[in-house]
Amino acid sequence: MRGFLHRPAQPTGDGLVLTHGAGANSKSALLAALAEAFADAGFTVLRCDLRFRQDRPFGPPRPGDAERDREGLEDALAALRRAAPGRLFLGGSSYGGRQSLSLIHI
């Protein structure tokens, strides 16, 4: 797991994992701004790199990376659970959002 943990001044107990699109990483301005906004609202936010980005600093995900990326998101949720005992949310930009949605079990 590689990323940044944003701790709110007044925590609600809820947490959010945020991740990037295929052409970005966890340092993107969009994710940083979103993480700060949610932390200001009381969420503990884990802004992290997907596994394909941890393997390679540049380039899009390769065929077959999606499964590993989803496993990484599950690991991120488990890590965040230690810091946020309330509800957990998962989201991302573009590719990261699609991988997040694919973990939803109805």
C-alpha atoms as a PDB file:
ATOM      1  CA  MET A   1       0.000   0.000   0.000  1.00  0.00           C
ATOM      2  CA  ARG A   2       1.331   3.392  -0.953  1.00  0.00           C
ATOM      3  CA  GLY A   3      -0.531   6.611  -0.330  1.00  0.00           C
ATOM      4  CA  PHE A   4      -1.471   9.388   2.049  1.00  0.00           C
ATOM      5  CA  LEU A   5      -3.708   9.346   5.117  1.00  0.00           C
ATOM      6  CA  HIS A   6      -5.733  12.506   5.766  1.00  0.00           C
ATOM      7  CA  ARG A   7      -6.951  12.724   9.344  1.00  0.00           C
ATOM      8  CA  PRO A   8      -9.778  15.146  10.132  1.00  0.00           C
ATOM      9  CA  ALA A   9      -9.609  17.650  12.964  1.00  0.00           C
ATOM     10  CA  GLN A  10     -13.074  16.490  14.101  1.00  0.00           C
ATOM     11  CA  PRO A  11     -13.539  12.872  12.975  1.00  0.00           C
ATOM     12  CA  THR A  12     -16.980  11.436  12.334  1.00  0.00           C
ATOM     13  CA  GLY A  13     -15.597   7.887  12.398  1.00  0.00           C
ATOM     14  CA  ASP A  14     -16.341   7.429   8.689  1.00  0.00           C
ATOM     15  CA  GLY A  15     -13.629   6.731   6.133  1.00  0.00           C
ATOM     16  CA  LEU A  16     -13.028   7.061   2.421  1.00  0.00           C
ATOM     17  CA  VAL A  17     -10.525   5.381   0.096  1.00  0.00           C
ATOM     18  CA  LEU A  18      -9.781   7.512  -2.977  1.00  0.00           C
ATOM     19  CA  THR A  19      -7.776   6.422  -5.982  1.00  0.00           C
ATOM     20  CA  HIS A  20      -6.649   7.764  -9.333  1.00  0.00           C
ATOM     21  CA  GLY A  21      -7.293   7.184 -13.003  1.00  0.00           C
ATOM     22  CA  ALA A  22      -5.141   5.241 -15.459  1.00  0.00           C
ATOM     23  CA  GLY A  23      -2.886   8.170 -16.308  1.00  0.00           C
ATOM     24  CA  ALA A  24      -2.355   9.562 -12.823  1.00  0.00           C
ATOM     25  CA  ASN A  25      -1.281   8.601  -9.313  1.00  0.00           C
ATOM     26  CA  SER A  26      -2.223   9.374  -5.725  1.00  0.00           C
ATOM     27  CA  LYS A  27      -0.397  12.709  -5.905  1.00  0.00           C
ATOM     28  CA  SER A  28      -2.828  14.150  -8.467  1.00  0.00           C
ATOM     29  CA  ALA A  29      -4.197  17.590  -7.630  1.00  0.00           C
ATOM     30  CA  LEU A  30      -7.793  16.364  -8.001  1.00  0.00           C
ATOM     31  CA  LEU A  31      -7.393  13.566  -5.452  1.00  0.00           C
ATOM     32  CA  ALA A  32      -5.488  15.790  -3.032  1.00  0.00           C
ATOM     33  CA  ALA A  33      -8.228  18.433  -3.173  1.00  0.00           C
ATOM     34  CA  LEU A  34     -10.986  15.841  -2.737  1.00  0.00           C
ATOM     35  CA  ALA A  35      -9.188  14.213   0.178  1.00  0.00           C
ATOM     36  CA  GLU A  36      -8.778  17.565   1.936  1.00  0.00           C
ATOM     37  CA  ALA A  37     -12.437  18.463   1.372  1.00  0.00           C
ATOM     38  CA  PHE A  38     -13.639  15.153   2.813  1.00  0.00           C
ATOM     39  CA  ALA A  39     -11.201  15.405   5.742  1.00  0.00           C
ATOM     40  CA  ASP A  40     -12.552  18.908   6.447  1.00  0.00           C
ATOM     41  CA  ALA A  41     -16.016  17.280   6.584  1.00  0.00           C
ATOM     42  CA  GLY A  42     -14.824  14.760   9.198  1.00  0.00           C
ATOM     43  CA  PHE A  43     -13.834  11.765   7.068  1.00  0.00           C
ATOM     44  CA  THR A  44     -10.558   9.907   7.491  1.00  0.00           C
ATOM     45  CA  VAL A  45      -9.314   9.623   3.904  1.00  0.00           C
ATOM     46  CA  LEU A  46      -6.800   7.195   2.444  1.00  0.00           C
ATOM     47  CA  ARG A  47      -5.603   8.523  -0.914  1.00  0.00           C
ATOM     48  CA  CYS A  48      -3.659   5.672  -2.484  1.00  0.00           C
ATOM     49  CA  ASP A  49      -1.984   4.304  -5.589  1.00  0.00           C
ATOM     50  CA  LEU A  50      -3.475   1.331  -7.357  1.00  0.00           C
ATOM     51  CA  ARG A  51      -1.177  -1.677  -7.642  1.00  0.00           C
ATOM     52  CA  PHE A  52      -0.452  -1.140 -11.333  1.00  0.00           C
ATOM     53  CA  ARG A  53       0.895   2.323 -10.465  1.00  0.00           C
ATOM     54  CA  GLN A  54       2.996   0.930  -7.646  1.00  0.00           C
ATOM     55  CA  ASP A  55       4.613  -1.380 -10.197  1.00  0.00           C
ATOM     56  CA  ARG A  56       5.174   1.303 -12.862  1.00  0.00           C
ATOM     57  CA  PRO A  57       5.424   5.089 -12.430  1.00  0.00           C
ATOM     58  CA  PHE A  58       4.068   5.786 -15.931  1.00  0.00           C
ATOM     59  CA  GLY A  59       1.719   4.219 -18.451  1.00  0.00           C
ATOM     60  CA  PRO A  60      -1.773   2.774 -18.374  1.00  0.00           C
ATOM     61  CA  PRO A  61      -2.805  -0.436 -16.666  1.00  0.00           C
ATOM     62  CA  ARG A  62      -2.090  -3.604 -18.616  1.00  0.00           C
ATOM     63  CA  PRO A  63      -4.603  -6.345 -19.386  1.00  0.00           C
ATOM     64  CA  GLY A  64      -4.933  -8.386 -16.231  1.00  0.00           C
ATOM     65  CA  ASP A  65      -4.043  -5.507 -13.860  1.00  0.00           C
ATOM     66  CA  ALA A  66      -7.671  -4.884 -12.918  1.00  0.00           C
ATOM     67  CA  GLU A  67      -7.973  -7.917 -10.644  1.00  0.00           C
ATOM     68  CA  ARG A  68      -4.812  -6.981  -8.738  1.00  0.00           C
ATOM     69  CA  ASP A  69      -6.003  -3.385  -8.501  1.00  0.00           C
ATOM     70  CA  ARG A  70      -9.311  -4.507  -6.967  1.00  0.00           C
ATOM     71  CA  GLU A  71      -7.439  -6.699  -4.480  1.00  0.00           C
ATOM     72  CA  GLY A  72      -5.384  -3.643  -3.569  1.00  0.00           C
ATOM     73  CA  LEU A  73      -8.551  -1.643  -2.986  1.00  0.00           C
ATOM     74  CA  GLU A  74      -9.832  -4.355  -0.652  1.00  0.00           C
ATOM     75  CA  ASP A  75      -6.515  -4.156   1.224  1.00  0.00           C
ATOM     76  CA  ALA A  76      -6.865  -0.364   1.389  1.00  0.00           C
ATOM     77  CA  LEU A  77     -10.329  -0.689   2.913  1.00  0.00           C
ATOM     78  CA  ALA A  78      -8.984  -3.139   5.500  1.00  0.00           C
ATOM     79  CA  ALA A  79      -6.135  -0.746   6.362  1.00  0.00           C
ATOM     80  CA  LEU A  80      -8.496   2.201   6.641  1.00  0.00           C
ATOM     81  CA  ARG A  81     -10.796   0.215   8.941  1.00  0.00           C
ATOM     82  CA  ARG A  82      -8.130   0.518  11.650  1.00  0.00           C
ATOM     83  CA  ALA A  83      -8.370   4.326  11.512  1.00  0.00           C
ATOM     84  CA  ALA A  84     -12.088   4.718  10.750  1.00  0.00           C
ATOM     85  CA  PRO A  85     -14.478   2.516  12.765  1.00  0.00           C
ATOM     86  CA  GLY A  86     -17.637   3.907  11.122  1.00  0.00           C
ATOM     87  CA  ARG A  87     -18.903   3.609   7.576  1.00  0.00           C
ATOM     88  CA  LEU A  88     -16.362   3.085   4.808  1.00  0.00           C
ATOM     89  CA  PHE A  89     -16.674   4.479   1.302  1.00  0.00           C
ATOM     90  CA  LEU A  90     -14.649   3.775  -1.805  1.00  0.00           C
ATOM     91  CA  GLY A  91     -14.254   5.966  -4.865  1.00  0.00           C
ATOM     92  CA  GLY A  92     -11.927   7.192  -7.513  1.00  0.00           C
ATOM     93  CA  SER A  93     -11.380   9.023 -10.731  1.00  0.00           C
ATOM     94  CA  SER A  94     -11.998   7.276 -14.075  1.00  0.00           C
ATOM     95  CA  TYR A  95     -10.246   3.877 -13.987  1.00  0.00           C
ATOM     96  CA  GLY A  96     -10.010   4.014 -10.188  1.00  0.00           C
ATOM     97  CA  GLY A  97     -13.741   4.722  -9.986  1.00  0.00           C
ATOM     98  CA  ARG A  98     -14.548   1.794 -12.267  1.00  0.00           C
ATOM     99  CA  GLN A  99     -12.446  -0.558 -10.149  1.00  0.00           C
ATOM    100  CA  SER A 100     -14.145   0.761  -7.021  1.00  0.00           C
ATOM    101  CA  LEU A 101     -17.602   0.191  -8.482  1.00  0.00           C
ATOM    102  CA  SER A 102     -16.732  -3.366  -9.448  1.00  0.00           C
ATOM    103  CA  LEU A 103     -16.251  -4.207  -5.749  1.00  0.00           C
ATOM    104  CA  ILE A 104     -19.850  -3.361  -4.865  1.00  0.00           C
ATOM    105  CA  HIS A 105     -21.789  -6.424  -3.790  1.00  0.00           C
ATOM    106  CA  ILE A 106     -25.540  -6.048  -3.701  1.00  0.00           C
END
